[in-house]
Amino acid sequence: MIENANLFKAPAQKYPDTLPSCKEYFENVEQERAKDFEILARKYRAIGPLLTKMEGLVVHTNSGRSAKLSAYYSHWERKVFDSLNKLILNNLRKFELALRTDKP
């Protein structure tokens, strides 16, 4: 699910008792985040065709703007918005917790 994506994945340690440099750490986090965003973007782009297919099955049109399904479209728009909100809030909480912890 979109809201469960971790946007602050820590890099795997190369050696058990050493930490990566700041540059290494943030480069790795950015690379992982870019991969995750691509996966999330693919999931998001898949929603439109699914809704259009549903419209075709239910009301036999494929415009993506059927007045008969406006409540249905609003429902899924809200679900996506809520999911993105949770994604941001969850990751801000995780990041804050990571900043406050005593462990590296």
N, C-alpha and C. Protein backbone atom coordinates (compact mmCIF):
# COMPACT_ATOMS: atom_id res chain seq x y z
N MET A 1 0.83 -1.19 0.00
CA MET A 1 0.00 0.00 0.00
C MET A 1 0.88 1.25 0.00
N ILE A 2 0.34 2.28 -0.54
CA ILE A 2 1.09 3.52 -0.69
C ILE A 2 1.51 4.09 0.66
N GLU A 3 0.59 4.11 1.63
CA GLU A 3 0.91 4.76 2.90
C GLU A 3 1.97 4.03 3.72
N ASN A 4 2.30 2.80 3.37
CA ASN A 4 3.28 2.02 4.13
C ASN A 4 4.70 2.13 3.60
N ALA A 5 4.91 2.90 2.56
CA ALA A 5 6.25 3.04 1.99
C ALA A 5 7.17 3.74 2.98
N ASN A 6 8.38 3.22 3.10
CA ASN A 6 9.38 3.82 3.98
C ASN A 6 10.32 4.67 3.13
N LEU A 7 10.25 5.98 3.30
CA LEU A 7 11.05 6.89 2.49
C LEU A 7 12.40 7.22 3.12
N PHE A 8 12.70 6.63 4.27
CA PHE A 8 13.97 6.88 4.95
C PHE A 8 14.68 5.57 5.27
N LYS A 9 14.81 4.70 4.27
CA LYS A 9 15.48 3.42 4.48
C LYS A 9 16.95 3.65 4.74
N ALA A 10 17.43 3.10 5.84
CA ALA A 10 18.84 3.22 6.18
C ALA A 10 19.63 2.23 5.33
N PRO A 11 20.82 2.64 4.90
CA PRO A 11 21.63 1.72 4.10
C PRO A 11 22.12 0.54 4.94
N ALA A 12 22.33 -0.58 4.30
CA ALA A 12 22.88 -1.75 4.99
C ALA A 12 24.33 -1.44 5.36
N GLN A 13 24.72 -1.87 6.54
CA GLN A 13 26.09 -1.60 6.99
C GLN A 13 27.05 -2.54 6.28
N LYS A 14 28.15 -1.98 5.78
CA LYS A 14 29.16 -2.79 5.10
C LYS A 14 29.95 -3.60 6.12
N TYR A 15 30.24 -2.95 7.24
CA TYR A 15 30.99 -3.60 8.32
C TYR A 15 30.19 -3.43 9.60
N PRO A 16 30.16 -4.44 10.46
CA PRO A 16 29.27 -4.42 11.64
C PRO A 16 29.44 -3.22 12.57
N ASP A 17 30.66 -2.77 12.80
CA ASP A 17 30.88 -1.72 13.79
C ASP A 17 31.19 -0.35 13.19
N THR A 18 30.90 -0.15 11.93
CA THR A 18 31.17 1.15 11.32
C THR A 18 29.90 1.74 10.74
N LEU A 19 29.88 3.04 10.69
CA LEU A 19 28.74 3.76 10.11
C LEU A 19 29.17 4.37 8.78
N PRO A 20 28.23 4.52 7.85
CA PRO A 20 28.59 5.19 6.59
C PRO A 20 28.81 6.68 6.84
N SER A 21 29.54 7.30 5.96
CA SER A 21 29.71 8.75 6.06
C SER A 21 28.36 9.41 5.78
N CYS A 22 28.23 10.67 6.14
CA CYS A 22 26.98 11.39 5.88
C CYS A 22 26.65 11.37 4.39
N LYS A 23 27.66 11.62 3.57
CA LYS A 23 27.44 11.65 2.13
C LYS A 23 26.94 10.29 1.64
N GLU A 24 27.61 9.22 2.07
CA GLU A 24 27.18 7.87 1.68
C GLU A 24 25.75 7.59 2.14
N TYR A 25 25.48 7.94 3.38
CA TYR A 25 24.16 7.68 3.95
C TYR A 25 23.07 8.37 3.13
N PHE A 26 23.22 9.67 2.90
CA PHE A 26 22.17 10.42 2.21
C PHE A 26 22.08 10.06 0.73
N GLU A 27 23.19 9.71 0.11
CA GLU A 27 23.13 9.25 -1.28
C GLU A 27 22.34 7.95 -1.37
N ASN A 28 22.60 7.04 -0.41
CA ASN A 28 21.89 5.77 -0.40
C ASN A 28 20.40 5.97 -0.13
N VAL A 29 20.08 6.82 0.84
CA VAL A 29 18.68 7.10 1.15
C VAL A 29 17.98 7.68 -0.08
N GLU A 30 18.65 8.59 -0.77
CA GLU A 30 18.06 9.21 -1.97
C GLU A 30 17.86 8.18 -3.08
N GLN A 31 18.82 7.28 -3.27
CA GLN A 31 18.67 6.25 -4.30
C GLN A 31 17.49 5.33 -3.99
N GLU A 32 17.39 4.91 -2.74
CA GLU A 32 16.28 4.04 -2.34
C GLU A 32 14.94 4.77 -2.48
N ARG A 33 14.93 6.03 -2.11
CA ARG A 33 13.70 6.82 -2.22
C ARG A 33 13.27 6.97 -3.68
N ALA A 34 14.23 7.18 -4.56
CA ALA A 34 13.91 7.30 -5.99
C ALA A 34 13.29 6.00 -6.50
N LYS A 35 13.84 4.86 -6.08
CA LYS A 35 13.26 3.56 -6.48
C LYS A 35 11.84 3.44 -5.95
N ASP A 36 11.66 3.78 -4.68
CA ASP A 36 10.34 3.68 -4.06
C ASP A 36 9.33 4.61 -4.72
N PHE A 37 9.76 5.83 -5.06
CA PHE A 37 8.85 6.77 -5.72
C PHE A 37 8.43 6.25 -7.09
N GLU A 38 9.35 5.60 -7.78
CA GLU A 38 9.00 5.04 -9.09
C GLU A 38 7.94 3.95 -8.94
N ILE A 39 8.09 3.10 -7.94
CA ILE A 39 7.10 2.05 -7.67
C ILE A 39 5.76 2.67 -7.30
N LEU A 40 5.80 3.68 -6.43
CA LEU A 40 4.56 4.36 -6.03
C LEU A 40 3.90 5.06 -7.22
N ALA A 41 4.70 5.66 -8.08
CA ALA A 41 4.15 6.34 -9.25
C ALA A 41 3.48 5.34 -10.19
N ARG A 42 4.10 4.16 -10.35
CA ARG A 42 3.48 3.12 -11.18
C ARG A 42 2.14 2.69 -10.61
N LYS A 43 2.09 2.53 -9.28
CA LYS A 43 0.82 2.15 -8.64
C LYS A 43 -0.23 3.24 -8.85
N TYR A 44 0.18 4.48 -8.71
CA TYR A 44 -0.76 5.59 -8.89
C TYR A 44 -1.27 5.66 -10.33
N ARG A 45 -0.35 5.50 -11.29
CA ARG A 45 -0.76 5.55 -12.70
C ARG A 45 -1.69 4.40 -13.08
N ALA A 46 -1.62 3.31 -12.35
CA ALA A 46 -2.48 2.15 -12.64
C ALA A 46 -3.92 2.37 -12.19
N ILE A 47 -4.16 3.33 -11.32
CA ILE A 47 -5.50 3.56 -10.79
C ILE A 47 -6.47 4.03 -11.87
N GLY A 48 -6.05 4.98 -12.70
CA GLY A 48 -6.93 5.53 -13.74
C GLY A 48 -7.50 4.47 -14.67
N PRO A 49 -6.64 3.64 -15.27
CA PRO A 49 -7.17 2.59 -16.14
C PRO A 49 -8.10 1.61 -15.42
N LEU A 50 -7.82 1.33 -14.16
CA LEU A 50 -8.72 0.44 -13.41
C LEU A 50 -10.09 1.07 -13.22
N LEU A 51 -10.11 2.36 -12.91
CA LEU A 51 -11.39 3.05 -12.75
C LEU A 51 -12.14 3.13 -14.08
N THR A 52 -11.42 3.37 -15.16
CA THR A 52 -12.05 3.43 -16.48
C THR A 52 -12.61 2.06 -16.86
N LYS A 53 -11.88 1.01 -16.55
CA LYS A 53 -12.37 -0.34 -16.83
C LYS A 53 -13.63 -0.63 -16.03
N MET A 54 -13.64 -0.21 -14.76
CA MET A 54 -14.82 -0.40 -13.92
C MET A 54 -16.01 0.36 -14.52
N GLU A 55 -15.76 1.57 -14.98
CA GLU A 55 -16.82 2.36 -15.62
C GLU A 55 -17.37 1.63 -16.84
N GLY A 56 -16.48 1.05 -17.62
CA GLY A 56 -16.91 0.31 -18.80
C GLY A 56 -17.80 -0.87 -18.45
N LEU A 57 -17.45 -1.56 -17.38
CA LEU A 57 -18.24 -2.72 -16.97
C LEU A 57 -19.59 -2.33 -16.37
N VAL A 58 -19.62 -1.21 -15.66
CA VAL A 58 -20.83 -0.82 -14.93
C VAL A 58 -21.79 -0.01 -15.79
N VAL A 59 -21.30 1.04 -16.44
CA VAL A 59 -22.20 1.92 -17.20
C VAL A 59 -21.94 1.92 -18.70
N HIS A 60 -21.03 1.05 -19.14
CA HIS A 60 -20.75 0.85 -20.56
C HIS A 60 -20.26 2.11 -21.27
N THR A 61 -19.48 2.91 -20.57
CA THR A 61 -18.76 4.04 -21.17
C THR A 61 -17.33 3.96 -20.68
N ASN A 62 -16.44 4.69 -21.29
CA ASN A 62 -15.04 4.67 -20.84
C ASN A 62 -14.42 6.06 -20.86
N SER A 63 -15.19 7.05 -20.48
CA SER A 63 -14.72 8.44 -20.50
C SER A 63 -13.91 8.80 -19.26
N GLY A 64 -14.16 8.10 -18.16
CA GLY A 64 -13.54 8.47 -16.90
C GLY A 64 -14.25 9.65 -16.25
N ARG A 65 -15.39 10.04 -16.81
CA ARG A 65 -16.13 11.21 -16.30
C ARG A 65 -17.62 10.93 -16.16
N SER A 66 -18.00 9.69 -16.04
CA SER A 66 -19.42 9.35 -15.96
C SER A 66 -20.07 10.01 -14.75
N ALA A 67 -21.16 10.72 -15.00
CA ALA A 67 -21.90 11.38 -13.91
C ALA A 67 -22.47 10.34 -12.95
N LYS A 68 -22.80 9.17 -13.47
CA LYS A 68 -23.36 8.12 -12.63
C LYS A 68 -22.34 7.59 -11.62
N LEU A 69 -21.07 7.72 -11.94
CA LEU A 69 -20.02 7.21 -11.05
C LEU A 69 -19.25 8.32 -10.34
N SER A 70 -19.78 9.52 -10.32
CA SER A 70 -19.05 10.63 -9.70
C SER A 70 -18.78 10.37 -8.22
N ALA A 71 -19.73 9.79 -7.51
CA ALA A 71 -19.51 9.48 -6.09
C ALA A 71 -18.42 8.41 -5.94
N TYR A 72 -18.41 7.47 -6.85
CA TYR A 72 -17.38 6.41 -6.84
C TYR A 72 -16.00 7.01 -7.08
N TYR A 73 -15.91 7.90 -8.07
CA TYR A 73 -14.64 8.56 -8.35
C TYR A 73 -14.19 9.43 -7.17
N SER A 74 -15.13 10.12 -6.56
CA SER A 74 -14.81 10.95 -5.39
C SER A 74 -14.29 10.09 -4.25
N HIS A 75 -14.91 8.94 -4.07
CA HIS A 75 -14.47 8.01 -3.01
C HIS A 75 -13.01 7.63 -3.21
N TRP A 76 -12.65 7.23 -4.44
CA TRP A 76 -11.28 6.80 -4.70
C TRP A 76 -10.29 7.96 -4.70
N GLU A 77 -10.74 9.12 -5.11
CA GLU A 77 -9.88 10.31 -5.02
C GLU A 77 -9.53 10.59 -3.56
N ARG A 78 -10.54 10.49 -2.70
CA ARG A 78 -10.32 10.71 -1.26
C ARG A 78 -9.40 9.64 -0.68
N LYS A 79 -9.58 8.38 -1.10
CA LYS A 79 -8.73 7.29 -0.61
C LYS A 79 -7.26 7.54 -0.99
N VAL A 80 -7.03 8.00 -2.21
CA VAL A 80 -5.66 8.29 -2.65
C VAL A 80 -5.10 9.45 -1.84
N PHE A 81 -5.88 10.50 -1.66
CA PHE A 81 -5.44 11.65 -0.88
C PHE A 81 -5.10 11.23 0.55
N ASP A 82 -5.98 10.46 1.18
CA ASP A 82 -5.73 9.99 2.55
C ASP A 82 -4.48 9.12 2.62
N SER A 83 -4.28 8.31 1.62
CA SER A 83 -3.10 7.44 1.57
C SER A 83 -1.82 8.27 1.48
N LEU A 84 -1.83 9.29 0.65
CA LEU A 84 -0.65 10.16 0.54
C LEU A 84 -0.41 10.93 1.83
N ASN A 85 -1.49 11.37 2.46
CA ASN A 85 -1.37 12.04 3.76
C ASN A 85 -0.72 11.13 4.79
N LYS A 86 -1.20 9.89 4.86
CA LYS A 86 -0.64 8.92 5.81
C LYS A 86 0.82 8.63 5.49
N LEU A 87 1.15 8.54 4.21
CA LEU A 87 2.53 8.32 3.79
C LEU A 87 3.44 9.40 4.36
N ILE A 88 3.04 10.65 4.18
CA ILE A 88 3.85 11.78 4.66
C ILE A 88 3.94 11.78 6.18
N LEU A 89 2.81 11.64 6.85
CA LEU A 89 2.80 11.67 8.32
C LEU A 89 3.60 10.51 8.91
N ASN A 90 3.41 9.30 8.38
CA ASN A 90 4.16 8.15 8.89
C ASN A 90 5.66 8.34 8.73
N ASN A 91 6.07 8.86 7.58
CA ASN A 91 7.50 9.05 7.35
C ASN A 91 8.08 10.18 8.17
N LEU A 92 7.31 11.23 8.41
CA LEU A 92 7.79 12.30 9.29
C LEU A 92 7.96 11.78 10.71
N ARG A 93 7.02 10.94 11.16
CA ARG A 93 7.14 10.35 12.50
C ARG A 93 8.37 9.46 12.60
N LYS A 94 8.58 8.61 11.58
CA LYS A 94 9.75 7.72 11.58
C LYS A 94 11.04 8.53 11.57
N PHE A 95 11.06 9.60 10.79
CA PHE A 95 12.25 10.43 10.70
C PHE A 95 12.52 11.12 12.04
N GLU A 96 11.47 11.65 12.66
CA GLU A 96 11.62 12.29 13.96
C GLU A 96 12.15 11.29 14.99
N LEU A 97 11.60 10.09 14.98
CA LEU A 97 12.04 9.05 15.91
C LEU A 97 13.51 8.70 15.67
N ALA A 98 13.89 8.62 14.40
CA ALA A 98 15.29 8.33 14.07
C ALA A 98 16.22 9.44 14.56
N LEU A 99 15.76 10.69 14.50
CA LEU A 99 16.58 11.80 14.98
C LEU A 99 16.72 11.80 16.49
N ARG A 100 15.70 11.32 17.18
CA ARG A 100 15.70 11.36 18.64
C ARG A 100 16.34 10.15 19.30
N THR A 101 16.58 9.10 18.57
CA THR A 101 17.12 7.88 19.16
C THR A 101 18.59 8.05 19.54
N ASP A 102 19.01 7.30 20.52
CA ASP A 102 20.41 7.33 20.95
C ASP A 102 21.29 6.45 20.06
N LYS A 103 20.67 5.50 19.39
CA LYS A 103 21.43 4.58 18.55
C LYS A 103 21.59 5.15 17.15
N PRO A 104 22.73 4.90 16.50
CA PRO A 104 22.93 5.38 15.13
C PRO A 104 22.10 4.59 14.14
